[in-house]
């Protein structure tokens, strides 16, 4: 059920859902809510299980984060580190020289992002990335943190998410966050069963925020997988 920008999914101790429009706390686990406000690395590698996404019209897919290609990022990172301690004036002068020497690569990147319907100033995006991001980006790798135990989601739920995404992704107003809210509204029974299973079989923590985070993250992962599988030269995170 949707209340404003919030969908409420209430569960009792067994993981069963009941609809709630006021968000009241019914039991020790409280209200399981999923607001309409990107993914487990293991889920990223999953193959889309619903149909053939190559038939999706690329031009109608909304992309919410535009990244440079790895080749371009390698070059701009090298430039940024060389001029890491330059004052802004000298940095800008070096930037102009670098742009001339890398004109072919820059033009290719501009054309690619333009084709993906990026609306901003691409050259300005490049400069700001070099000046404010890559210049300050460290070179020392962080020690890997210990991963928490991975909790697998049932294939039936993944298929339902894929079907919902493929059915709505080309709509102009579609966004993953809002799509997730609609998915929850239209798949209450399936979510009931899956949450109960996750509690019992996978040992998922019986906590409102844990359930919310898991389901939202899974839906958005499926969205990005489908976008990646249905487009070329698109790097979306």
C-alpha atoms as a PDB file:
ATOM      1  CA  UNK A   1       0.000   0.000   0.000  1.00  0.00           C
ATOM      2  CA  UNK A   2       1.273   3.455  -0.835  1.00  0.00           C
ATOM      3  CA  UNK A   3       0.919   6.392   1.540  1.00  0.00           C
ATOM      4  CA  UNK A   4       2.310   9.575  -0.018  1.00  0.00           C
ATOM      5  CA  UNK A   5       5.824   8.597  -1.081  1.00  0.00           C
ATOM      6  CA  UNK A   6       5.957   5.617   1.294  1.00  0.00           C
ATOM      7  CA  UNK A   7       4.852   2.036   0.818  1.00  0.00           C
ATOM      8  CA  UNK A   8       4.197   0.177   4.059  1.00  0.00           C
ATOM      9  CA  UNK A   9       4.695  -3.561   4.350  1.00  0.00           C
ATOM     10  CA  UNK A  10       3.848  -4.829   7.834  1.00  0.00           C
ATOM     11  CA  UNK A  11       4.995  -8.244   8.969  1.00  0.00           C
ATOM     12  CA  UNK A  12       4.228 -10.241  12.039  1.00  0.00           C
ATOM     13  CA  UNK A  13       6.698 -12.625  13.647  1.00  0.00           C
ATOM     14  CA  UNK A  14       6.137 -15.274  10.996  1.00  0.00           C
ATOM     15  CA  UNK A  15       7.000 -12.866   8.206  1.00  0.00           C
ATOM     16  CA  UNK A  16       3.401 -12.458   6.997  1.00  0.00           C
ATOM     17  CA  UNK A  17       2.494  -9.110   5.502  1.00  0.00           C
ATOM     18  CA  UNK A  18      -0.492  -6.961   6.350  1.00  0.00           C
ATOM     19  CA  UNK A  19      -1.316  -3.694   4.662  1.00  0.00           C
ATOM     20  CA  UNK A  20      -0.897  -0.506   6.664  1.00  0.00           C
ATOM     21  CA  UNK A  21      -1.489   3.084   5.661  1.00  0.00           C
ATOM     22  CA  UNK A  22      -0.509   4.771   8.906  1.00  0.00           C
ATOM     23  CA  UNK A  23       2.767   3.027   9.689  1.00  0.00           C
ATOM     24  CA  UNK A  24       1.772   1.935  13.190  1.00  0.00           C
ATOM     25  CA  UNK A  25       3.949  -0.577  15.006  1.00  0.00           C
ATOM     26  CA  UNK A  26       2.078  -3.895  15.273  1.00  0.00           C
ATOM     27  CA  UNK A  27       4.752  -6.175  16.786  1.00  0.00           C
ATOM     28  CA  UNK A  28       8.326  -6.398  17.930  1.00  0.00           C
ATOM     29  CA  UNK A  29       9.656  -6.063  14.379  1.00  0.00           C
ATOM     30  CA  UNK A  30       7.577  -2.935  13.753  1.00  0.00           C
ATOM     31  CA  UNK A  31       6.442  -1.670  10.396  1.00  0.00           C
ATOM     32  CA  UNK A  32       8.302  -2.969   7.388  1.00  0.00           C
ATOM     33  CA  UNK A  33       8.354   0.092   5.177  1.00  0.00           C
ATOM     34  CA  UNK A  34       9.953   0.687   1.840  1.00  0.00           C
ATOM     35  CA  UNK A  35      10.335   4.335   0.915  1.00  0.00           C
ATOM     36  CA  UNK A  36      10.534   5.534  -2.646  1.00  0.00           C
ATOM     37  CA  UNK A  37      13.654   7.258  -1.798  1.00  0.00           C
ATOM     38  CA  UNK A  38      22.736   0.943  -6.064  1.00  0.00           C
ATOM     39  CA  UNK A  39      23.868  -3.535  -5.027  1.00  0.00           C
ATOM     40  CA  UNK A  40      25.326  -6.812  -3.754  1.00  0.00           C
ATOM     41  CA  UNK A  41      28.320  -7.680  -5.901  1.00  0.00           C
ATOM     42  CA  UNK A  42      27.153 -11.286  -6.152  1.00  0.00           C
ATOM     43  CA  UNK A  43      23.780 -10.239  -7.552  1.00  0.00           C
ATOM     44  CA  UNK A  44      25.527  -8.103 -10.177  1.00  0.00           C
ATOM     45  CA  UNK A  45      26.747 -11.280 -11.836  1.00  0.00           C
ATOM     46  CA  UNK A  46      23.311 -12.849 -12.066  1.00  0.00           C
ATOM     47  CA  UNK A  47      21.992 -13.385 -15.589  1.00  0.00           C
ATOM     48  CA  UNK A  48      18.655 -11.776 -16.320  1.00  0.00           C
ATOM     49  CA  UNK A  49      16.069 -14.515 -16.109  1.00  0.00           C
ATOM     50  CA  UNK A  50      13.158 -12.806 -17.807  1.00  0.00           C
ATOM     51  CA  UNK A  51      12.988 -12.901 -21.587  1.00  0.00           C
ATOM     52  CA  UNK A  52      15.380 -11.280 -24.011  1.00  0.00           C
ATOM     53  CA  UNK A  53      16.204  -7.718 -22.992  1.00  0.00           C
ATOM     54  CA  UNK A  54      18.025  -7.051 -26.265  1.00  0.00           C
ATOM     55  CA  UNK A  55      14.617  -6.176 -27.737  1.00  0.00           C
ATOM     56  CA  UNK A  56      14.242  -3.194 -25.383  1.00  0.00           C
ATOM     57  CA  UNK A  57      14.418   0.131 -27.200  1.00  0.00           C
ATOM     58  CA  UNK A  58      17.662   1.683 -25.933  1.00  0.00           C
ATOM     59  CA  UNK A  59      16.533   5.222 -26.694  1.00  0.00           C
ATOM     60  CA  UNK A  60      13.640   4.919 -24.238  1.00  0.00           C
ATOM     61  CA  UNK A  61      15.697   3.750 -21.254  1.00  0.00           C
ATOM     62  CA  UNK A  62      16.364   6.407 -18.652  1.00  0.00           C
ATOM     63  CA  UNK A  63      19.963   6.430 -17.393  1.00  0.00           C
ATOM     64  CA  UNK A  64      20.548   8.005 -13.990  1.00  0.00           C
ATOM     65  CA  UNK A  65      24.326   8.017 -13.753  1.00  0.00           C
ATOM     66  CA  UNK A  66      26.725   8.617 -16.619  1.00  0.00           C
ATOM     67  CA  UNK A  67      30.290   7.385 -16.285  1.00  0.00           C
ATOM     68  CA  UNK A  68      33.340   7.834 -18.458  1.00  0.00           C
ATOM     69  CA  UNK A  69      34.873   4.809 -20.147  1.00  0.00           C
ATOM     70  CA  UNK A  70      37.731   3.105 -18.346  1.00  0.00           C
ATOM     71  CA  UNK A  71      40.173   4.173 -21.065  1.00  0.00           C
ATOM     72  CA  UNK A  72      39.262   7.828 -20.594  1.00  0.00           C
ATOM     73  CA  UNK A  73      39.363   7.585 -16.802  1.00  0.00           C
ATOM     74  CA  UNK A  74      42.872   6.102 -16.959  1.00  0.00           C
ATOM     75  CA  UNK A  75      44.101   9.053 -19.009  1.00  0.00           C
ATOM     76  CA  UNK A  76      42.392  11.751 -16.970  1.00  0.00           C
ATOM     77  CA  UNK A  77      43.553  10.155 -13.732  1.00  0.00           C
ATOM     78  CA  UNK A  78      47.165  10.195 -14.945  1.00  0.00           C
ATOM     79  CA  UNK A  79      46.859  13.867 -15.900  1.00  0.00           C
ATOM     80  CA  UNK A  80      45.232  14.772 -12.573  1.00  0.00           C
ATOM     81  CA  UNK A  81      47.953  13.094 -10.502  1.00  0.00           C
ATOM     82  CA  UNK A  82      50.766  14.742 -12.487  1.00  0.00           C
ATOM     83  CA  UNK A  83      49.217  18.156 -11.828  1.00  0.00           C
ATOM     84  CA  UNK A  84      47.924  17.317  -8.370  1.00  0.00           C
ATOM     85  CA  UNK A  85      49.656  20.226  -6.644  1.00  0.00           C
ATOM     86  CA  UNK A  86      49.264  22.847  -9.379  1.00  0.00           C
ATOM     87  CA  UNK A  87      47.490  26.076  -8.537  1.00  0.00           C
ATOM     88  CA  UNK A  88      44.210  26.492 -10.373  1.00  0.00           C
ATOM     89  CA  UNK A  89      45.678  28.864 -12.998  1.00  0.00           C
ATOM     90  CA  UNK A  90      48.525  26.492 -13.872  1.00  0.00           C
ATOM     91  CA  UNK A  91      46.208  23.504 -13.696  1.00  0.00           C
ATOM     92  CA  UNK A  92      43.855  25.142 -16.206  1.00  0.00           C
ATOM     93  CA  UNK A  93      46.742  25.941 -18.564  1.00  0.00           C
ATOM     94  CA  UNK A  94      47.950  22.345 -18.411  1.00  0.00           C
ATOM     95  CA  UNK A  95      44.368  21.198 -18.964  1.00  0.00           C
ATOM     96  CA  UNK A  96      44.065  23.135 -22.210  1.00  0.00           C
ATOM     97  CA  UNK A  97      47.296  21.570 -23.490  1.00  0.00           C
ATOM     98  CA  UNK A  98      46.154  18.110 -22.415  1.00  0.00           C
ATOM     99  CA  UNK A  99      42.829  18.540 -24.193  1.00  0.00           C
ATOM    100  CA  UNK A 100      44.593  19.310 -27.469  1.00  0.00           C
ATOM    101  CA  UNK A 101      46.862  16.274 -27.129  1.00  0.00           C
ATOM    102  CA  UNK A 102      43.889  14.036 -26.266  1.00  0.00           C
ATOM    103  CA  UNK A 103      41.397  15.553 -28.700  1.00  0.00           C
ATOM    104  CA  UNK A 104      40.535  12.257 -30.383  1.00  0.00           C
ATOM    105  CA  UNK A 105      39.818  10.492 -27.105  1.00  0.00           C
ATOM    106  CA  UNK A 106      37.854  13.475 -25.770  1.00  0.00           C
ATOM    107  CA  UNK A 107      35.741  13.765 -28.933  1.00  0.00           C
ATOM    108  CA  UNK A 108      34.965  10.056 -28.739  1.00  0.00           C
ATOM    109  CA  UNK A 109      33.851  10.420 -25.124  1.00  0.00           C
ATOM    110  CA  UNK A 110      31.730  13.482 -25.894  1.00  0.00           C
ATOM    111  CA  UNK A 111      30.018  11.682 -28.762  1.00  0.00           C
ATOM    112  CA  UNK A 112      29.338   8.616 -26.594  1.00  0.00           C
ATOM    113  CA  UNK A 113      27.771  10.576 -23.738  1.00  0.00           C
ATOM    114  CA  UNK A 114      25.786  12.723 -26.171  1.00  0.00           C
ATOM    115  CA  UNK A 115      24.414   9.563 -27.776  1.00  0.00           C
ATOM    116  CA  UNK A 116      23.328   8.420 -24.309  1.00  0.00           C
ATOM    117  CA  UNK A 117      21.366  11.679 -23.987  1.00  0.00           C
ATOM    118  CA  UNK A 118      23.587  13.274 -21.329  1.00  0.00           C
ATOM    119  CA  UNK A 119      22.228  16.800 -20.959  1.00  0.00           C
ATOM    120  CA  UNK A 120      25.053  18.553 -19.106  1.00  0.00           C
ATOM    121  CA  UNK A 121      28.275  20.262 -20.199  1.00  0.00           C
ATOM    122  CA  UNK A 122      30.523  17.276 -20.909  1.00  0.00           C
ATOM    123  CA  UNK A 123      33.782  19.241 -21.101  1.00  0.00           C
ATOM    124  CA  UNK A 124      32.982  20.913 -17.801  1.00  0.00           C
ATOM    125  CA  UNK A 125      32.210  17.478 -16.319  1.00  0.00           C
ATOM    126  CA  UNK A 126      35.637  16.281 -17.485  1.00  0.00           C
ATOM    127  CA  UNK A 127      37.439  19.285 -16.006  1.00  0.00           C
ATOM    128  CA  UNK A 128      35.689  19.018 -12.665  1.00  0.00           C
ATOM    129  CA  UNK A 129      36.433  15.297 -12.526  1.00  0.00           C
ATOM    130  CA  UNK A 130      40.131  15.984 -13.083  1.00  0.00           C
ATOM    131  CA  UNK A 131      40.330  18.964 -10.751  1.00  0.00           C
ATOM    132  CA  UNK A 132      38.131  17.887  -7.865  1.00  0.00           C
ATOM    133  CA  UNK A 133      37.918  14.088  -7.988  1.00  0.00           C
ATOM    134  CA  UNK A 134      40.858  12.354  -9.646  1.00  0.00           C
ATOM    135  CA  UNK A 135      43.380  14.914  -8.380  1.00  0.00           C
ATOM    136  CA  UNK A 136      42.459  14.073  -4.799  1.00  0.00           C
ATOM    137  CA  UNK A 137      41.836  10.382  -5.320  1.00  0.00           C
ATOM    138  CA  UNK A 138      44.352   8.319  -3.357  1.00  0.00           C
ATOM    139  CA  UNK A 139      46.603   5.690  -4.879  1.00  0.00           C
ATOM    140  CA  UNK A 140      46.835   3.474  -1.800  1.00  0.00           C
ATOM    141  CA  UNK A 141      44.371   0.616  -1.839  1.00  0.00           C
ATOM    142  CA  UNK A 142      42.201   0.253   1.219  1.00  0.00           C
ATOM    143  CA  UNK A 143      42.309  -2.954   3.173  1.00  0.00           C
ATOM    144  CA  UNK A 144      39.326  -5.105   2.175  1.00  0.00           C
ATOM    145  CA  UNK A 145      36.605  -5.264   4.775  1.00  0.00           C
ATOM    146  CA  UNK A 146      35.097  -8.547   5.805  1.00  0.00           C
ATOM    147  CA  UNK A 147      31.870  -9.202   3.956  1.00  0.00           C
ATOM    148  CA  UNK A 148      28.738 -10.170   5.771  1.00  0.00           C
ATOM    149  CA  UNK A 149      27.117 -13.462   4.879  1.00  0.00           C
ATOM    150  CA  UNK A 150      25.343 -13.256   1.530  1.00  0.00           C
ATOM    151  CA  UNK A 151      21.596 -13.801   1.603  1.00  0.00           C
ATOM    152  CA  UNK A 152      20.228 -15.232  -1.653  1.00  0.00           C
ATOM    153  CA  UNK A 153      16.855 -14.158  -2.977  1.00  0.00           C
ATOM    154  CA  UNK A 154      14.469 -16.705  -4.468  1.00  0.00           C
ATOM    155  CA  UNK A 155      14.491 -16.997  -8.280  1.00  0.00           C
ATOM    156  CA  UNK A 156      10.721 -16.557  -8.417  1.00  0.00           C
ATOM    157  CA  UNK A 157      11.042 -13.103  -6.877  1.00  0.00           C
ATOM    158  CA  UNK A 158      13.893 -12.191  -9.248  1.00  0.00           C
ATOM    159  CA  UNK A 159      11.773 -13.260 -12.229  1.00  0.00           C
ATOM    160  CA  UNK A 160       8.886 -11.131 -11.002  1.00  0.00           C
ATOM    161  CA  UNK A 161      11.191  -8.129 -10.593  1.00  0.00           C
ATOM    162  CA  UNK A 162      12.625  -8.646 -14.079  1.00  0.00           C
ATOM    163  CA  UNK A 163       9.147  -8.854 -15.587  1.00  0.00           C
ATOM    164  CA  UNK A 164       8.066  -5.683 -13.816  1.00  0.00           C
ATOM    165  CA  UNK A 165      11.185  -3.782 -14.901  1.00  0.00           C
ATOM    166  CA  UNK A 166      11.005  -4.899 -18.537  1.00  0.00           C
ATOM    167  CA  UNK A 167       7.307  -3.971 -18.650  1.00  0.00           C
ATOM    168  CA  UNK A 168       7.913  -0.460 -17.333  1.00  0.00           C
ATOM    169  CA  UNK A 169      11.480   0.536 -18.211  1.00  0.00           C
ATOM    170  CA  UNK A 170      10.639   2.312 -21.468  1.00  0.00           C
ATOM    171  CA  UNK A 171       7.960   4.499 -19.889  1.00  0.00           C
ATOM    172  CA  UNK A 172       9.081   8.114 -19.777  1.00  0.00           C
ATOM    173  CA  UNK A 173       8.178   8.574 -16.118  1.00  0.00           C
ATOM    174  CA  UNK A 174       9.807   5.328 -14.934  1.00  0.00           C
ATOM    175  CA  UNK A 175      12.512   5.492 -12.268  1.00  0.00           C
ATOM    176  CA  UNK A 176      13.953   2.502 -10.371  1.00  0.00           C
ATOM    177  CA  UNK A 177      12.985   3.955  -6.986  1.00  0.00           C
ATOM    178  CA  UNK A 178       9.378   4.562  -8.001  1.00  0.00           C
ATOM    179  CA  UNK A 179       9.261   1.291  -9.929  1.00  0.00           C
ATOM    180  CA  UNK A 180      10.229  -0.533  -6.747  1.00  0.00           C
ATOM    181  CA  UNK A 181       7.346   1.058  -4.835  1.00  0.00           C
ATOM    182  CA  UNK A 182       4.905  -0.039  -7.538  1.00  0.00           C
ATOM    183  CA  UNK A 183       6.422  -3.535  -7.558  1.00  0.00           C
ATOM    184  CA  UNK A 184       5.809  -3.849  -3.811  1.00  0.00           C
ATOM    185  CA  UNK A 185       2.211  -2.646  -4.187  1.00  0.00           C
ATOM    186  CA  UNK A 186       1.461  -5.235  -6.862  1.00  0.00           C
ATOM    187  CA  UNK A 187       3.357  -8.210  -5.409  1.00  0.00           C
ATOM    188  CA  UNK A 188       2.396  -8.262  -1.727  1.00  0.00           C
ATOM    189  CA  UNK A 189       1.725 -12.008  -1.561  1.00  0.00           C
ATOM    190  CA  UNK A 190       5.001 -12.906  -3.250  1.00  0.00           C
ATOM    191  CA  UNK A 191       6.875 -10.605  -0.873  1.00  0.00           C
ATOM    192  CA  UNK A 192       5.125 -12.202   2.093  1.00  0.00           C
ATOM    193  CA  UNK A 193       6.385 -15.630   1.102  1.00  0.00           C
ATOM    194  CA  UNK A 194       9.913 -14.471   0.316  1.00  0.00           C
ATOM    195  CA  UNK A 195      10.407 -12.514   3.535  1.00  0.00           C
ATOM    196  CA  UNK A 196       9.160 -15.458   5.570  1.00  0.00           C
ATOM    197  CA  UNK A 197      11.574 -17.750   3.698  1.00  0.00           C
ATOM    198  CA  UNK A 198      14.483 -15.370   4.198  1.00  0.00           C
ATOM    199  CA  UNK A 199      13.791 -15.280   7.915  1.00  0.00           C
ATOM    200  CA  UNK A 200      13.515 -19.053   8.225  1.00  0.00           C
ATOM    201  CA  UNK A 201      15.994 -20.462   5.679  1.00  0.00           C
ATOM    202  CA  UNK A 202      18.551 -17.706   5.126  1.00  0.00           C
ATOM    203  CA  UNK A 203      18.686 -16.301   8.635  1.00  0.00           C
ATOM    204  CA  UNK A 204      17.917 -12.749   7.543  1.00  0.00           C
ATOM    205  CA  UNK A 205      17.794 -10.410  10.508  1.00  0.00           C
ATOM    206  CA  UNK A 206      14.211  -9.703  11.495  1.00  0.00           C
ATOM    207  CA  UNK A 207      14.499  -5.972  11.304  1.00  0.00           C
ATOM    208  CA  UNK A 208      12.504  -3.417   9.305  1.00  0.00           C
ATOM    209  CA  UNK A 209      15.504  -1.610   7.839  1.00  0.00           C
ATOM    210  CA  UNK A 210      17.224  -4.884   6.915  1.00  0.00           C
ATOM    211  CA  UNK A 211      14.199  -6.086   4.953  1.00  0.00           C
ATOM    212  CA  UNK A 212      13.752  -2.701   3.305  1.00  0.00           C
ATOM    213  CA  UNK A 213      17.409  -2.474   2.302  1.00  0.00           C
ATOM    214  CA  UNK A 214      17.566  -6.042   0.960  1.00  0.00           C
ATOM    215  CA  UNK A 215      14.489  -5.795  -1.242  1.00  0.00           C
ATOM    216  CA  UNK A 216      15.233  -2.308  -2.533  1.00  0.00           C
ATOM    217  CA  UNK A 217      18.835  -3.223  -3.337  1.00  0.00           C
ATOM    218  CA  UNK A 218      17.787  -6.402  -5.132  1.00  0.00           C
ATOM    219  CA  UNK A 219      15.267  -4.554  -7.320  1.00  0.00           C
ATOM    220  CA  UNK A 220      17.763  -1.864  -8.286  1.00  0.00           C
ATOM    221  CA  UNK A 221      20.399  -4.508  -9.054  1.00  0.00           C
ATOM    222  CA  UNK A 222      17.991  -6.197 -11.440  1.00  0.00           C
ATOM    223  CA  UNK A 223      17.323  -2.845 -13.097  1.00  0.00           C
ATOM    224  CA  UNK A 224      21.016  -2.160 -13.699  1.00  0.00           C
ATOM    225  CA  UNK A 225      21.619  -5.695 -14.977  1.00  0.00           C
ATOM    226  CA  UNK A 226      18.771  -5.349 -17.476  1.00  0.00           C
ATOM    227  CA  UNK A 227      19.997  -1.932 -18.641  1.00  0.00           C
ATOM    228  CA  UNK A 228      23.535  -3.267 -19.063  1.00  0.00           C
ATOM    229  CA  UNK A 229      22.337  -6.302 -21.008  1.00  0.00           C
ATOM    230  CA  UNK A 230      20.128  -4.266 -23.340  1.00  0.00           C
ATOM    231  CA  UNK A 231      22.539  -1.470 -24.277  1.00  0.00           C
ATOM    232  CA  UNK A 232      26.022  -1.150 -25.688  1.00  0.00           C
ATOM    233  CA  UNK A 233      28.815   0.982 -24.246  1.00  0.00           C
ATOM    234  CA  UNK A 234      26.667   1.935 -21.285  1.00  0.00           C
ATOM    235  CA  UNK A 235      28.274   1.969 -17.855  1.00  0.00           C
ATOM    236  CA  UNK A 236      25.620   2.541 -15.262  1.00  0.00           C
ATOM    237  CA  UNK A 237      26.024   2.066 -11.530  1.00  0.00           C
END
